[in-house]
Amino acid sequence: MPERSDVSVRGLGIGAAIIVGGIAASILAAALVTKWVQAPATGPSAGREPPIAGAVLQTAPRQDLAAFRREKHSRLSSYGRVDADHVHIPIDRAMQILANRERR
């Protein structure tokens, strides 16, 4: 005589159908809520699309780049005070100091 199983195939099928039906009902309810219920417009934009300004173009890009490079080169090759506790030194001097530390 074959052994009797404690698991009911019919019960498993019913349980699976209940789970699938619940998931489908949840998805349908969420779709209906998002379609028919208008969310309140909150936040700084009050539901309006933000205005997008056009690009601001440089009038003299080559001169701006040249001035930028001059400023950065002078900063890298000069001494100066950053604030009350810090100073900056030329990059060449900083590399010499670090190289001398490595030799010790």
N, C-alpha and C. Protein backbone atom coordinates (compact mmCIF):
# COMPACT_ATOMS: atom_id res chain seq x y z
N MET A 1 0.82 -1.15 0.00
CA MET A 1 0.00 0.00 0.00
C MET A 1 0.88 1.25 0.00
N PRO A 2 0.60 2.21 -0.92
CA PRO A 2 1.44 3.41 -0.98
C PRO A 2 1.21 4.31 0.23
N GLU A 3 2.30 5.02 0.56
CA GLU A 3 2.24 5.92 1.72
C GLU A 3 1.42 7.16 1.39
N ARG A 4 0.63 7.59 2.32
CA ARG A 4 -0.24 8.74 2.10
C ARG A 4 0.53 10.03 2.40
N SER A 5 0.41 11.06 1.54
CA SER A 5 1.11 12.34 1.70
C SER A 5 0.32 13.27 2.61
N ASP A 6 1.02 14.04 3.44
CA ASP A 6 0.37 15.01 4.31
C ASP A 6 0.14 16.34 3.58
N VAL A 7 0.70 16.51 2.40
CA VAL A 7 0.59 17.76 1.64
C VAL A 7 -0.57 17.63 0.67
N SER A 8 -1.44 18.63 0.70
CA SER A 8 -2.58 18.62 -0.21
C SER A 8 -2.24 19.48 -1.43
N VAL A 9 -2.23 18.87 -2.59
CA VAL A 9 -1.94 19.59 -3.82
C VAL A 9 -3.04 20.61 -4.08
N ARG A 10 -4.26 20.24 -3.79
CA ARG A 10 -5.38 21.17 -3.98
C ARG A 10 -5.21 22.38 -3.05
N GLY A 11 -4.80 22.17 -1.84
CA GLY A 11 -4.58 23.26 -0.89
C GLY A 11 -3.46 24.19 -1.33
N LEU A 12 -2.37 23.62 -1.87
CA LEU A 12 -1.27 24.43 -2.39
C LEU A 12 -1.74 25.29 -3.56
N GLY A 13 -2.55 24.71 -4.43
CA GLY A 13 -3.07 25.46 -5.58
C GLY A 13 -3.96 26.61 -5.13
N ILE A 14 -4.80 26.37 -4.15
CA ILE A 14 -5.68 27.43 -3.64
C ILE A 14 -4.85 28.54 -2.99
N GLY A 15 -3.86 28.17 -2.22
CA GLY A 15 -2.99 29.17 -1.58
C GLY A 15 -2.26 30.02 -2.60
N ALA A 16 -1.73 29.37 -3.63
CA ALA A 16 -1.02 30.11 -4.69
C ALA A 16 -1.97 31.04 -5.42
N ALA A 17 -3.21 30.58 -5.67
CA ALA A 17 -4.20 31.43 -6.35
C ALA A 17 -4.55 32.65 -5.51
N ILE A 18 -4.65 32.47 -4.20
CA ILE A 18 -4.95 33.59 -3.30
C ILE A 18 -3.81 34.61 -3.33
N ILE A 19 -2.58 34.14 -3.30
CA ILE A 19 -1.42 35.05 -3.33
C ILE A 19 -1.36 35.81 -4.65
N VAL A 20 -1.51 35.12 -5.77
CA VAL A 20 -1.47 35.77 -7.09
C VAL A 20 -2.62 36.75 -7.23
N GLY A 21 -3.81 36.37 -6.75
CA GLY A 21 -4.96 37.28 -6.80
C GLY A 21 -4.74 38.52 -5.95
N GLY A 22 -4.12 38.38 -4.80
CA GLY A 22 -3.82 39.53 -3.94
C GLY A 22 -2.83 40.48 -4.59
N ILE A 23 -1.82 39.93 -5.22
CA ILE A 23 -0.84 40.77 -5.90
C ILE A 23 -1.50 41.52 -7.06
N ALA A 24 -2.31 40.83 -7.84
CA ALA A 24 -2.99 41.47 -8.97
C ALA A 24 -3.93 42.57 -8.48
N ALA A 25 -4.66 42.31 -7.40
CA ALA A 25 -5.58 43.31 -6.85
C ALA A 25 -4.81 44.54 -6.35
N SER A 26 -3.66 44.32 -5.74
CA SER A 26 -2.84 45.43 -5.25
C SER A 26 -2.34 46.30 -6.40
N ILE A 27 -1.88 45.66 -7.46
CA ILE A 27 -1.38 46.41 -8.62
C ILE A 27 -2.52 47.19 -9.28
N LEU A 28 -3.69 46.57 -9.41
CA LEU A 28 -4.83 47.25 -9.99
C LEU A 28 -5.27 48.44 -9.13
N ALA A 29 -5.31 48.26 -7.82
CA ALA A 29 -5.70 49.36 -6.93
C ALA A 29 -4.70 50.51 -7.02
N ALA A 30 -3.42 50.22 -7.06
CA ALA A 30 -2.41 51.27 -7.17
C ALA A 30 -2.53 52.02 -8.48
N ALA A 31 -2.81 51.30 -9.56
CA ALA A 31 -2.97 51.95 -10.87
C ALA A 31 -4.18 52.86 -10.87
N LEU A 32 -5.29 52.41 -10.28
CA LEU A 32 -6.49 53.24 -10.23
C LEU A 32 -6.29 54.48 -9.37
N VAL A 33 -5.62 54.33 -8.25
CA VAL A 33 -5.38 55.48 -7.37
C VAL A 33 -4.51 56.51 -8.06
N THR A 34 -3.44 56.08 -8.71
CA THR A 34 -2.56 57.05 -9.37
C THR A 34 -3.22 57.70 -10.58
N LYS A 35 -4.20 57.02 -11.19
CA LYS A 35 -4.87 57.60 -12.36
C LYS A 35 -5.93 58.62 -11.96
N TRP A 36 -6.71 58.35 -10.92
CA TRP A 36 -7.87 59.18 -10.60
C TRP A 36 -7.67 60.14 -9.45
N VAL A 37 -6.66 59.96 -8.64
CA VAL A 37 -6.44 60.85 -7.50
C VAL A 37 -5.28 61.77 -7.82
N GLN A 38 -5.55 63.07 -7.80
CA GLN A 38 -4.51 64.05 -8.07
C GLN A 38 -3.73 64.33 -6.79
N ALA A 39 -2.42 64.21 -6.87
CA ALA A 39 -1.58 64.50 -5.71
C ALA A 39 -1.49 66.01 -5.54
N PRO A 40 -1.44 66.47 -4.30
CA PRO A 40 -1.33 67.92 -4.09
C PRO A 40 0.03 68.43 -4.56
N ALA A 41 0.02 69.61 -5.14
CA ALA A 41 1.25 70.21 -5.61
C ALA A 41 1.93 70.89 -4.43
N THR A 42 2.99 70.29 -3.95
CA THR A 42 3.71 70.85 -2.82
C THR A 42 5.15 71.10 -3.24
N GLY A 43 5.85 71.84 -2.43
CA GLY A 43 7.24 72.12 -2.71
C GLY A 43 7.42 73.48 -3.35
N PRO A 44 8.66 73.85 -3.60
CA PRO A 44 8.93 75.19 -4.11
C PRO A 44 8.39 75.45 -5.51
N SER A 45 8.20 74.41 -6.32
CA SER A 45 7.72 74.63 -7.69
C SER A 45 6.19 74.63 -7.77
N ALA A 46 5.49 74.22 -6.71
CA ALA A 46 4.03 74.16 -6.67
C ALA A 46 3.46 73.40 -7.85
N GLY A 47 4.13 72.37 -8.30
CA GLY A 47 3.62 71.54 -9.37
C GLY A 47 3.91 72.03 -10.77
N ARG A 48 4.54 73.18 -10.91
CA ARG A 48 4.89 73.70 -12.24
C ARG A 48 6.28 73.23 -12.64
N GLU A 49 6.49 73.10 -13.93
CA GLU A 49 7.82 72.74 -14.41
C GLU A 49 8.75 73.92 -14.18
N PRO A 50 9.98 73.67 -13.76
CA PRO A 50 10.90 74.78 -13.51
C PRO A 50 11.36 75.41 -14.82
N PRO A 51 11.55 76.73 -14.81
CA PRO A 51 12.07 77.37 -16.03
C PRO A 51 13.54 77.00 -16.22
N ILE A 52 13.90 76.78 -17.44
CA ILE A 52 15.28 76.43 -17.75
C ILE A 52 15.89 77.59 -18.53
N ALA A 53 16.87 78.22 -17.92
CA ALA A 53 17.52 79.35 -18.57
C ALA A 53 18.53 78.84 -19.60
N GLY A 54 18.77 79.62 -20.61
CA GLY A 54 19.74 79.24 -21.63
C GLY A 54 21.16 79.31 -21.09
N ALA A 55 22.07 78.78 -21.84
CA ALA A 55 23.47 78.77 -21.44
C ALA A 55 24.04 80.18 -21.49
N VAL A 56 24.87 80.49 -20.50
CA VAL A 56 25.55 81.78 -20.47
C VAL A 56 26.90 81.58 -21.16
N LEU A 57 27.08 82.24 -22.26
CA LEU A 57 28.30 82.07 -23.03
C LEU A 57 29.33 83.12 -22.65
N GLN A 58 30.59 82.74 -22.73
CA GLN A 58 31.67 83.68 -22.47
C GLN A 58 31.82 84.60 -23.67
N THR A 59 32.11 85.86 -23.39
CA THR A 59 32.30 86.80 -24.49
C THR A 59 33.72 86.74 -25.03
N ALA A 60 34.68 86.37 -24.18
CA ALA A 60 36.07 86.31 -24.61
C ALA A 60 36.73 85.07 -24.00
N PRO A 61 36.43 83.87 -24.50
CA PRO A 61 36.94 82.66 -23.86
C PRO A 61 38.46 82.54 -23.88
N ARG A 62 39.10 82.97 -24.94
CA ARG A 62 40.57 82.85 -25.00
C ARG A 62 41.23 83.74 -23.96
N GLN A 63 40.74 84.97 -23.83
CA GLN A 63 41.31 85.88 -22.85
C GLN A 63 41.01 85.39 -21.43
N ASP A 64 39.81 84.83 -21.21
CA ASP A 64 39.46 84.29 -19.90
C ASP A 64 40.38 83.13 -19.53
N LEU A 65 40.64 82.24 -20.48
CA LEU A 65 41.52 81.11 -20.22
C LEU A 65 42.94 81.58 -19.95
N ALA A 66 43.41 82.56 -20.71
CA ALA A 66 44.77 83.08 -20.50
C ALA A 66 44.88 83.71 -19.11
N ALA A 67 43.88 84.47 -18.69
CA ALA A 67 43.90 85.09 -17.36
C ALA A 67 43.85 84.02 -16.28
N PHE A 68 43.06 83.00 -16.48
CA PHE A 68 42.98 81.90 -15.51
C PHE A 68 44.33 81.21 -15.36
N ARG A 69 44.97 80.92 -16.49
CA ARG A 69 46.28 80.25 -16.43
C ARG A 69 47.34 81.14 -15.78
N ARG A 70 47.31 82.46 -16.07
CA ARG A 70 48.27 83.37 -15.42
C ARG A 70 48.07 83.36 -13.91
N GLU A 71 46.84 83.42 -13.48
CA GLU A 71 46.55 83.43 -12.05
C GLU A 71 47.03 82.15 -11.37
N LYS A 72 46.76 81.00 -11.97
CA LYS A 72 47.17 79.72 -11.38
C LYS A 72 48.69 79.57 -11.41
N HIS A 73 49.35 80.02 -12.48
CA HIS A 73 50.81 79.93 -12.55
C HIS A 73 51.46 80.81 -11.49
N SER A 74 50.91 82.01 -11.30
CA SER A 74 51.49 82.89 -10.28
C SER A 74 51.30 82.30 -8.89
N ARG A 75 50.18 81.64 -8.67
CA ARG A 75 49.94 81.01 -7.36
C ARG A 75 50.92 79.85 -7.14
N LEU A 76 51.20 79.07 -8.20
CA LEU A 76 52.11 77.93 -8.07
C LEU A 76 53.57 78.33 -7.97
N SER A 77 53.90 79.55 -8.34
CA SER A 77 55.32 79.94 -8.36
C SER A 77 55.62 81.10 -7.41
N SER A 78 54.77 81.32 -6.41
CA SER A 78 55.03 82.43 -5.48
C SER A 78 54.73 82.02 -4.06
N TYR A 79 55.25 82.84 -3.13
CA TYR A 79 54.95 82.68 -1.72
C TYR A 79 53.77 83.58 -1.38
N GLY A 80 52.99 83.17 -0.38
CA GLY A 80 51.89 84.02 0.05
C GLY A 80 51.17 83.44 1.25
N ARG A 81 50.39 84.29 1.89
CA ARG A 81 49.63 83.87 3.07
C ARG A 81 48.24 83.44 2.64
N VAL A 82 47.82 82.27 3.12
CA VAL A 82 46.47 81.76 2.85
C VAL A 82 45.51 82.31 3.90
N ASP A 83 45.89 82.15 5.17
CA ASP A 83 45.13 82.71 6.28
C ASP A 83 46.10 82.94 7.43
N ALA A 84 45.60 83.18 8.62
CA ALA A 84 46.47 83.51 9.75
C ALA A 84 47.44 82.38 10.10
N ASP A 85 47.07 81.15 9.80
CA ASP A 85 47.91 80.01 10.21
C ASP A 85 48.61 79.31 9.05
N HIS A 86 48.31 79.65 7.81
CA HIS A 86 48.86 78.91 6.69
C HIS A 86 49.43 79.83 5.61
N VAL A 87 50.49 79.33 4.96
CA VAL A 87 51.08 80.03 3.83
C VAL A 87 51.19 79.06 2.66
N HIS A 88 51.36 79.59 1.45
CA HIS A 88 51.64 78.71 0.32
C HIS A 88 53.03 79.05 -0.19
N ILE A 89 53.69 78.01 -0.73
CA ILE A 89 55.05 78.16 -1.24
C ILE A 89 55.06 77.69 -2.69
N PRO A 90 56.10 78.08 -3.45
CA PRO A 90 56.17 77.63 -4.86
C PRO A 90 56.23 76.11 -4.94
N ILE A 91 55.67 75.58 -5.97
CA ILE A 91 55.59 74.13 -6.15
C ILE A 91 56.98 73.50 -6.24
N ASP A 92 57.93 74.19 -6.89
CA ASP A 92 59.28 73.64 -6.99
C ASP A 92 59.92 73.49 -5.61
N ARG A 93 59.73 74.50 -4.76
CA ARG A 93 60.29 74.44 -3.40
C ARG A 93 59.62 73.33 -2.60
N ALA A 94 58.32 73.16 -2.74
CA ALA A 94 57.60 72.11 -2.02
C ALA A 94 58.11 70.73 -2.44
N MET A 95 58.39 70.56 -3.74
CA MET A 95 58.89 69.26 -4.21
C MET A 95 60.30 69.01 -3.68
N GLN A 96 61.14 70.07 -3.57
CA GLN A 96 62.47 69.90 -2.99
C GLN A 96 62.39 69.46 -1.54
N ILE A 97 61.50 70.09 -0.79
CA ILE A 97 61.34 69.74 0.63
C ILE A 97 60.92 68.28 0.76
N LEU A 98 59.95 67.85 -0.03
CA LEU A 98 59.51 66.47 0.05
C LEU A 98 60.59 65.49 -0.38
N ALA A 99 61.36 65.84 -1.40
CA ALA A 99 62.44 64.95 -1.85
C ALA A 99 63.52 64.83 -0.78
N ASN A 100 63.83 65.92 -0.10
CA ASN A 100 64.82 65.87 0.96
C ASN A 100 64.33 65.04 2.14
N ARG A 101 63.05 65.05 2.44
CA ARG A 101 62.50 64.23 3.52
C ARG A 101 62.62 62.75 3.20
N GLU A 102 62.44 62.40 1.93
CA GLU A 102 62.50 61.00 1.52
C GLU A 102 63.92 60.46 1.62
N ARG A 103 64.92 61.30 1.46
CA ARG A 103 66.31 60.85 1.50
C ARG A 103 66.77 60.51 2.90
N ARG A 104 66.14 61.08 3.90
CA ARG A 104 66.59 60.86 5.30
C ARG A 104 66.30 59.49 5.78
